[in-house]
Amino acid sequence: MRLRVEFTTEPFDLDEAPAHALAAREVIEGAELDAVDVGPFGNTAEGAADTVLGTVDALLRKSLDAGATRISLQVNVIGEGGH
């Protein structure tokens, strides 16, 4: 099964990326995921279910440790068997 994760971390800072956003970016870019898209107001990535779920765990923990006060997260099933 393949999953797509979409997430944002808060609070926002329009002048520079806060520590929690940088932590989330580091986790998502360091994972073995496909189609990673990191932006100022939202981030998405796709991959195998186990990889996405493990990455989400790390992302939540590291973003909260770095000062996030809210993390909005959506996970969608996008395919079976690696398609």
PDB file of N, CA and C in Angstrom:
ATOM      1  N   MET A   1       0.843  -1.180   0.000  1.00  0.00           N
ATOM      2  CA  MET A   1       0.000   0.000   0.000  1.00  0.00           C
ATOM      3  C   MET A   1       0.890   1.245   0.000  1.00  0.00           C
ATOM      4  N   ARG A   2       0.470   2.238  -0.760  1.00  0.00           N
ATOM      5  CA  ARG A   2       1.170   3.530  -0.788  1.00  0.00           C
ATOM      6  C   ARG A   2       0.306   4.592  -0.122  1.00  0.00           C
ATOM      7  N   LEU A   3       0.984   5.517   0.536  1.00  0.00           N
ATOM      8  CA  LEU A   3       0.297   6.591   1.239  1.00  0.00           C
ATOM      9  C   LEU A   3       0.851   7.931   0.816  1.00  0.00           C
ATOM     10  N   ARG A   4      -0.004   8.948   0.907  1.00  0.00           N
ATOM     11  CA  ARG A   4       0.417  10.347   0.737  1.00  0.00           C
ATOM     12  C   ARG A   4       0.165  11.045   2.065  1.00  0.00           C
ATOM     13  N   VAL A   5       1.153  11.760   2.553  1.00  0.00           N
ATOM     14  CA  VAL A   5       0.998  12.549   3.769  1.00  0.00           C
ATOM     15  C   VAL A   5       1.091  14.023   3.391  1.00  0.00           C
ATOM     16  N   GLU A   6       0.197  14.801   3.965  1.00  0.00           N
ATOM     17  CA  GLU A   6       0.216  16.255   3.820  1.00  0.00           C
ATOM     18  C   GLU A   6       0.225  16.824   5.227  1.00  0.00           C
ATOM     19  N   PHE A   7       1.072  17.831   5.474  1.00  0.00           N
ATOM     20  CA  PHE A   7       1.137  18.376   6.830  1.00  0.00           C
ATOM     21  C   PHE A   7       1.589  19.824   6.837  1.00  0.00           C
ATOM     22  N   THR A   8       1.232  20.511   7.911  1.00  0.00           N
ATOM     23  CA  THR A   8       1.739  21.849   8.203  1.00  0.00           C
ATOM     24  C   THR A   8       2.068  21.890   9.689  1.00  0.00           C
ATOM     25  N   THR A   9       3.036  22.714  10.033  1.00  0.00           N
ATOM     26  CA  THR A   9       3.375  22.937  11.437  1.00  0.00           C
ATOM     27  C   THR A   9       3.126  24.405  11.761  1.00  0.00           C
ATOM     28  N   GLU A  10       2.767  24.661  12.985  1.00  0.00           N
ATOM     29  CA  GLU A  10       2.488  26.029  13.426  1.00  0.00           C
ATOM     30  C   GLU A  10       3.177  26.272  14.757  1.00  0.00           C
ATOM     31  N   PRO A  11       3.439  27.511  15.128  1.00  0.00           N
ATOM     32  CA  PRO A  11       2.960  28.749  14.523  1.00  0.00           C
ATOM     33  C   PRO A  11       3.762  29.129  13.275  1.00  0.00           C
ATOM     34  N   PHE A  12       3.079  29.855  12.392  1.00  0.00           N
ATOM     35  CA  PHE A  12       3.699  30.344  11.164  1.00  0.00           C
ATOM     36  C   PHE A  12       4.588  31.544  11.466  1.00  0.00           C
ATOM     37  N   ASP A  13       5.598  31.710  10.662  1.00  0.00           N
ATOM     38  CA  ASP A  13       6.432  32.906  10.679  1.00  0.00           C
ATOM     39  C   ASP A  13       6.732  33.224   9.221  1.00  0.00           C
ATOM     40  N   LEU A  14       6.199  34.321   8.729  1.00  0.00           N
ATOM     41  CA  LEU A  14       6.366  34.666   7.322  1.00  0.00           C
ATOM     42  C   LEU A  14       7.743  35.225   6.998  1.00  0.00           C
ATOM     43  N   ASP A  15       8.501  35.652   8.017  1.00  0.00           N
ATOM     44  CA  ASP A  15       9.812  36.237   7.776  1.00  0.00           C
ATOM     45  C   ASP A  15      10.915  35.187   7.623  1.00  0.00           C
ATOM     46  N   GLU A  16      10.875  34.160   8.452  1.00  0.00           N
ATOM     47  CA  GLU A  16      11.858  33.084   8.337  1.00  0.00           C
ATOM     48  C   GLU A  16      11.258  31.793   8.873  1.00  0.00           C
ATOM     49  N   ALA A  17      11.753  30.681   8.372  1.00  0.00           N
ATOM     50  CA  ALA A  17      11.230  29.374   8.775  1.00  0.00           C
ATOM     51  C   ALA A  17      11.563  29.118  10.244  1.00  0.00           C
ATOM     52  N   PRO A  18      10.536  28.825  11.067  1.00  0.00           N
ATOM     53  CA  PRO A  18      10.802  28.532  12.474  1.00  0.00           C
ATOM     54  C   PRO A  18      11.486  27.173  12.645  1.00  0.00           C
ATOM     55  N   ALA A  19      12.054  26.963  13.821  1.00  0.00           N
ATOM     56  CA  ALA A  19      12.801  25.735  14.105  1.00  0.00           C
ATOM     57  C   ALA A  19      11.956  24.484  13.879  1.00  0.00           C
ATOM     58  N   HIS A  20      10.675  24.524  14.234  1.00  0.00           N
ATOM     59  CA  HIS A  20       9.832  23.334  14.067  1.00  0.00           C
ATOM     60  C   HIS A  20       9.600  23.013  12.591  1.00  0.00           C
ATOM     61  N   ALA A  21       9.528  24.038  11.757  1.00  0.00           N
ATOM     62  CA  ALA A  21       9.367  23.804  10.315  1.00  0.00           C
ATOM     63  C   ALA A  21      10.650  23.226   9.722  1.00  0.00           C
ATOM     64  N   LEU A  22      11.792  23.713  10.177  1.00  0.00           N
ATOM     65  CA  LEU A  22      13.065  23.181   9.704  1.00  0.00           C
ATOM     66  C   LEU A  22      13.253  21.728  10.149  1.00  0.00           C
ATOM     67  N   ALA A  23      12.823  21.415  11.369  1.00  0.00           N
ATOM     68  CA  ALA A  23      12.909  20.034  11.867  1.00  0.00           C
ATOM     69  C   ALA A  23      12.037  19.114  11.022  1.00  0.00           C
ATOM     70  N   ALA A  24      10.823  19.553  10.715  1.00  0.00           N
ATOM     71  CA  ALA A  24       9.920  18.751   9.885  1.00  0.00           C
ATOM     72  C   ALA A  24      10.516  18.547   8.498  1.00  0.00           C
ATOM     73  N   ARG A  25      11.075  19.595   7.932  1.00  0.00           N
ATOM     74  CA  ARG A  25      11.689  19.510   6.599  1.00  0.00           C
ATOM     75  C   ARG A  25      12.851  18.522   6.608  1.00  0.00           C
ATOM     76  N   GLU A  26      13.671  18.558   7.648  1.00  0.00           N
ATOM     77  CA  GLU A  26      14.804  17.639   7.753  1.00  0.00           C
ATOM     78  C   GLU A  26      14.337  16.182   7.792  1.00  0.00           C
ATOM     79  N   VAL A  27      13.289  15.929   8.551  1.00  0.00           N
ATOM     80  CA  VAL A  27      12.756  14.560   8.649  1.00  0.00           C
ATOM     81  C   VAL A  27      12.224  14.104   7.297  1.00  0.00           C
ATOM     82  N   ILE A  28      11.405  14.919   6.670  1.00  0.00           N
ATOM     83  CA  ILE A  28      10.738  14.514   5.423  1.00  0.00           C
ATOM     84  C   ILE A  28      11.746  14.359   4.286  1.00  0.00           C
ATOM     85  N   GLU A  29      12.750  15.237   4.232  1.00  0.00           N
ATOM     86  CA  GLU A  29      13.742  15.151   3.165  1.00  0.00           C
ATOM     87  C   GLU A  29      14.739  14.021   3.402  1.00  0.00           C
ATOM     88  N   GLY A  30      14.915  13.603   4.662  1.00  0.00           N
ATOM     89  CA  GLY A  30      15.843  12.533   4.979  1.00  0.00           C
ATOM     90  C   GLY A  30      15.246  11.142   4.867  1.00  0.00           C
ATOM     91  N   ALA A  31      13.932  11.066   4.736  1.00  0.00           N
ATOM     92  CA  ALA A  31      13.258   9.770   4.635  1.00  0.00           C
ATOM     93  C   ALA A  31      13.292   9.263   3.201  1.00  0.00           C
ATOM     94  N   GLU A  32      13.129   7.974   3.035  1.00  0.00           N
ATOM     95  CA  GLU A  32      13.111   7.380   1.700  1.00  0.00           C
ATOM     96  C   GLU A  32      11.692   7.430   1.140  1.00  0.00           C
ATOM     97  N   LEU A  33      11.264   8.664   0.824  1.00  0.00           N
ATOM     98  CA  LEU A  33       9.925   8.903   0.302  1.00  0.00           C
ATOM     99  C   LEU A  33      10.016   9.408  -1.132  1.00  0.00           C
ATOM    100  N   ASP A  34       8.893   9.282  -1.846  1.00  0.00           N
ATOM    101  CA  ASP A  34       8.799   9.748  -3.226  1.00  0.00           C
ATOM    102  C   ASP A  34       8.023  11.061  -3.255  1.00  0.00           C
ATOM    103  N   ALA A  35       8.224  11.817  -4.300  1.00  0.00           N
ATOM    104  CA  ALA A  35       7.416  13.004  -4.586  1.00  0.00           C
ATOM    105  C   ALA A  35       7.328  13.948  -3.395  1.00  0.00           C
ATOM    106  N   VAL A  36       8.465  14.241  -2.774  1.00  0.00           N
ATOM    107  CA  VAL A  36       8.496  15.170  -1.643  1.00  0.00           C
ATOM    108  C   VAL A  36       8.361  16.594  -2.170  1.00  0.00           C
ATOM    109  N   ASP A  37       7.418  17.340  -1.593  1.00  0.00           N
ATOM    110  CA  ASP A  37       7.211  18.739  -1.953  1.00  0.00           C
ATOM    111  C   ASP A  37       7.119  19.539  -0.665  1.00  0.00           C
ATOM    112  N   VAL A  38       8.122  20.360  -0.397  1.00  0.00           N
ATOM    113  CA  VAL A  38       8.173  21.162   0.824  1.00  0.00           C
ATOM    114  C   VAL A  38       7.908  22.602   0.442  1.00  0.00           C
ATOM    115  N   GLY A  39       6.912  23.206   1.090  1.00  0.00           N
ATOM    116  CA  GLY A  39       6.568  24.591   0.793  1.00  0.00           C
ATOM    117  C   GLY A  39       6.329  25.383   2.060  1.00  0.00           C
ATOM    118  N   PRO A  40       6.117  26.690   1.929  1.00  0.00           N
ATOM    119  CA  PRO A  40       5.953  27.538   3.111  1.00  0.00           C
ATOM    120  C   PRO A  40       4.653  27.305   3.871  1.00  0.00           C
ATOM    121  N   PHE A  41       3.615  26.812   3.195  1.00  0.00           N
ATOM    122  CA  PHE A  41       2.320  26.648   3.866  1.00  0.00           C
ATOM    123  C   PHE A  41       1.818  25.214   3.886  1.00  0.00           C
ATOM    124  N   GLY A  42       2.573  24.296   3.325  1.00  0.00           N
ATOM    125  CA  GLY A  42       2.161  22.906   3.329  1.00  0.00           C
ATOM    126  C   GLY A  42       3.221  22.039   2.698  1.00  0.00           C
ATOM    127  N   ASN A  43       3.218  20.792   3.076  1.00  0.00           N
ATOM    128  CA  ASN A  43       4.226  19.843   2.636  1.00  0.00           C
ATOM    129  C   ASN A  43       3.546  18.534   2.293  1.00  0.00           C
ATOM    130  N   THR A  44       4.040  17.855   1.266  1.00  0.00           N
ATOM    131  CA  THR A  44       3.489  16.555   0.904  1.00  0.00           C
ATOM    132  C   THR A  44       4.623  15.602   0.574  1.00  0.00           C
ATOM    133  N   ALA A  45       4.338  14.320   0.759  1.00  0.00           N
ATOM    134  CA  ALA A  45       5.272  13.274   0.371  1.00  0.00           C
ATOM    135  C   ALA A  45       4.482  11.991   0.188  1.00  0.00           C
ATOM    136  N   GLU A  46       5.025  11.101  -0.627  1.00  0.00           N
ATOM    137  CA  GLU A  46       4.393   9.806  -0.887  1.00  0.00           C
ATOM    138  C   GLU A  46       5.413   8.713  -0.691  1.00  0.00           C
ATOM    139  N   GLY A  47       4.907   7.522  -0.373  1.00  0.00           N
ATOM    140  CA  GLY A  47       5.799   6.383  -0.256  1.00  0.00           C
ATOM    141  C   GLY A  47       5.076   5.156   0.252  1.00  0.00           C
ATOM    142  N   ALA A  48       5.860   4.121   0.492  1.00  0.00           N
ATOM    143  CA  ALA A  48       5.323   2.882   1.044  1.00  0.00           C
ATOM    144  C   ALA A  48       4.757   3.159   2.431  1.00  0.00           C
ATOM    145  N   ALA A  49       3.695   2.447   2.784  1.00  0.00           N
ATOM    146  CA  ALA A  49       2.986   2.701   4.037  1.00  0.00           C
ATOM    147  C   ALA A  49       3.909   2.678   5.248  1.00  0.00           C
ATOM    148  N   ASP A  50       4.737   1.661   5.389  1.00  0.00           N
ATOM    149  CA  ASP A  50       5.616   1.579   6.558  1.00  0.00           C
ATOM    150  C   ASP A  50       6.570   2.764   6.632  1.00  0.00           C
ATOM    151  N   THR A  51       7.078   3.194   5.502  1.00  0.00           N
ATOM    152  CA  THR A  51       7.999   4.326   5.476  1.00  0.00           C
ATOM    153  C   THR A  51       7.279   5.617   5.842  1.00  0.00           C
ATOM    154  N   VAL A  52       6.105   5.830   5.278  1.00  0.00           N
ATOM    155  CA  VAL A  52       5.340   7.043   5.584  1.00  0.00           C
ATOM    156  C   VAL A  52       4.974   7.073   7.062  1.00  0.00           C
ATOM    157  N   LEU A  53       4.495   5.967   7.601  1.00  0.00           N
ATOM    158  CA  LEU A  53       4.072   5.946   9.003  1.00  0.00           C
ATOM    159  C   LEU A  53       5.247   6.170   9.948  1.00  0.00           C
ATOM    160  N   GLY A  54       6.393   5.573   9.662  1.00  0.00           N
ATOM    161  CA  GLY A  54       7.579   5.812  10.473  1.00  0.00           C
ATOM    162  C   GLY A  54       8.042   7.249  10.392  1.00  0.00           C
ATOM    163  N   THR A  55       7.949   7.828   9.205  1.00  0.00           N
ATOM    164  CA  THR A  55       8.339   9.217   9.007  1.00  0.00           C
ATOM    165  C   THR A  55       7.400  10.155   9.755  1.00  0.00           C
ATOM    166  N   VAL A  56       6.109   9.854   9.727  1.00  0.00           N
ATOM    167  CA  VAL A  56       5.133  10.685  10.447  1.00  0.00           C
ATOM    168  C   VAL A  56       5.438  10.680  11.942  1.00  0.00           C
ATOM    169  N   ASP A  57       5.774   9.525  12.505  1.00  0.00           N
ATOM    170  CA  ASP A  57       6.126   9.440  13.916  1.00  0.00           C
ATOM    171  C   ASP A  57       7.314  10.353  14.231  1.00  0.00           C
ATOM    172  N   ALA A  58       8.368  10.249  13.435  1.00  0.00           N
ATOM    173  CA  ALA A  58       9.556  11.077  13.650  1.00  0.00           C
ATOM    174  C   ALA A  58       9.238  12.551  13.454  1.00  0.00           C
ATOM    175  N   LEU A  59       8.448  12.858  12.441  1.00  0.00           N
ATOM    176  CA  LEU A  59       8.082  14.240  12.151  1.00  0.00           C
ATOM    177  C   LEU A  59       7.322  14.866  13.320  1.00  0.00           C
ATOM    178  N   LEU A  60       6.359  14.144  13.857  1.00  0.00           N
ATOM    179  CA  LEU A  60       5.588  14.662  14.996  1.00  0.00           C
ATOM    180  C   LEU A  60       6.489  14.912  16.197  1.00  0.00           C
ATOM    181  N   ARG A  61       7.296  13.933  16.529  1.00  0.00           N
ATOM    182  CA  ARG A  61       8.165  14.052  17.704  1.00  0.00           C
ATOM    183  C   ARG A  61       9.164  15.201  17.565  1.00  0.00           C
ATOM    184  N   LYS A  62       9.838  15.280  16.427  1.00  0.00           N
ATOM    185  CA  LYS A  62      10.877  16.306  16.250  1.00  0.00           C
ATOM    186  C   LYS A  62      10.285  17.702  16.115  1.00  0.00           C
ATOM    187  N   SER A  63       9.144  17.824  15.449  1.00  0.00           N
ATOM    188  CA  SER A  63       8.512  19.143  15.301  1.00  0.00           C
ATOM    189  C   SER A  63       8.012  19.652  16.645  1.00  0.00           C
ATOM    190  N   LEU A  64       7.398  18.785  17.425  1.00  0.00           N
ATOM    191  CA  LEU A  64       6.929  19.196  18.753  1.00  0.00           C
ATOM    192  C   LEU A  64       8.099  19.563  19.656  1.00  0.00           C
ATOM    193  N   ASP A  65       9.161  18.759  19.623  1.00  0.00           N
ATOM    194  CA  ASP A  65      10.354  19.068  20.419  1.00  0.00           C
ATOM    195  C   ASP A  65      10.975  20.406  20.015  1.00  0.00           C
ATOM    196  N   ALA A  66      10.812  20.791  18.753  1.00  0.00           N
ATOM    197  CA  ALA A  66      11.395  22.034  18.243  1.00  0.00           C
ATOM    198  C   ALA A  66      10.467  23.232  18.392  1.00  0.00           C
ATOM    199  N   GLY A  67       9.317  23.051  19.069  1.00  0.00           N
ATOM    200  CA  GLY A  67       8.463  24.197  19.364  1.00  0.00           C
ATOM    201  C   GLY A  67       7.140  24.292  18.632  1.00  0.00           C
ATOM    202  N   ALA A  68       6.784  23.313  17.824  1.00  0.00           N
ATOM    203  CA  ALA A  68       5.472  23.370  17.159  1.00  0.00           C
ATOM    204  C   ALA A  68       4.373  23.325  18.216  1.00  0.00           C
ATOM    205  N   THR A  69       3.364  24.156  18.029  1.00  0.00           N
ATOM    206  CA  THR A  69       2.217  24.152  18.931  1.00  0.00           C
ATOM    207  C   THR A  69       1.000  23.493  18.298  1.00  0.00           C
ATOM    208  N   ARG A  70       1.089  23.251  16.985  1.00  0.00           N
ATOM    209  CA  ARG A  70       0.010  22.580  16.272  1.00  0.00           C
ATOM    210  C   ARG A  70       0.593  21.965  15.004  1.00  0.00           C
ATOM    211  N   ILE A  71       0.177  20.740  14.734  1.00  0.00           N
ATOM    212  CA  ILE A  71       0.578  20.069  13.503  1.00  0.00           C
ATOM    213  C   ILE A  71      -0.683  19.514  12.867  1.00  0.00           C
ATOM    214  N   SER A  72      -0.991  19.986  11.676  1.00  0.00           N
ATOM    215  CA  SER A  72      -2.137  19.488  10.924  1.00  0.00           C
ATOM    216  C   SER A  72      -1.627  18.428   9.972  1.00  0.00           C
ATOM    217  N   LEU A  73      -2.299  17.276   9.966  1.00  0.00           N
ATOM    218  CA  LEU A  73      -1.784  16.128   9.244  1.00  0.00           C
ATOM    219  C   LEU A  73      -2.930  15.393   8.565  1.00  0.00           C
ATOM    220  N   GLN A  74      -2.689  15.004   7.323  1.00  0.00           N
ATOM    221  CA  GLN A  74      -3.660  14.190   6.589  1.00  0.00           C
ATOM    222  C   GLN A  74      -2.896  13.083   5.894  1.00  0.00           C
ATOM    223  N   VAL A  75      -3.408  11.855   5.994  1.00  0.00           N
ATOM    224  CA  VAL A  75      -2.797  10.705   5.342  1.00  0.00           C
ATOM    225  C   VAL A  75      -3.847  10.063   4.448  1.00  0.00           C
ATOM    226  N   ASN A  76      -3.507   9.847   3.175  1.00  0.00           N
ATOM    227  CA  ASN A  76      -4.414   9.231   2.222  1.00  0.00           C
ATOM    228  C   ASN A  76      -3.782   7.993   1.611  1.00  0.00           C
ATOM    229  N   VAL A  77      -4.598   6.965   1.404  1.00  0.00           N
ATOM    230  CA  VAL A  77      -4.167   5.788   0.654  1.00  0.00           C
ATOM    231  C   VAL A  77      -4.232   6.161  -0.821  1.00  0.00           C
ATOM    232  N   ILE A  78      -3.124   5.954  -1.545  1.00  0.00           N
ATOM    233  CA  ILE A  78      -3.106   6.321  -2.959  1.00  0.00           C
ATOM    234  C   ILE A  78      -2.874   5.141  -3.884  1.00  0.00           C
ATOM    235  N   GLY A  79      -2.607   3.974  -3.328  1.00  0.00           N
ATOM    236  CA  GLY A  79      -2.419   2.817  -4.201  1.00  0.00           C
ATOM    237  C   GLY A  79      -2.046   1.582  -3.418  1.00  0.00           C
ATOM    238  N   GLU A  80      -2.173   0.464  -4.073  1.00  0.00           N
ATOM    239  CA  GLU A  80      -1.840  -0.830  -3.480  1.00  0.00           C
ATOM    240  C   GLU A  80      -0.605  -1.393  -4.166  1.00  0.00           C
ATOM    241  N   GLY A  81       0.152  -2.170  -3.440  1.00  0.00           N
ATOM    242  CA  GLY A  81       1.230  -2.938  -4.021  1.00  0.00           C
ATOM    243  C   GLY A  81       2.307  -2.127  -4.718  1.00  0.00           C
ATOM    244  N   GLY A  82       2.545  -0.891  -4.273  1.00  0.00           N
ATOM    245  CA  GLY A  82       3.619  -0.086  -4.854  1.00  0.00           C
ATOM    246  C   GLY A  82       3.246   0.609  -6.152  1.00  0.00           C
ATOM    247  N   HIS A  83       1.974   0.618  -6.540  1.00  0.00           N
ATOM    248  CA  HIS A  83       1.551   1.298  -7.774  1.00  0.00           C
ATOM    249  C   HIS A  83       1.224   2.743  -7.487  1.00  0.00           C
TER     250      HIS A  83
END
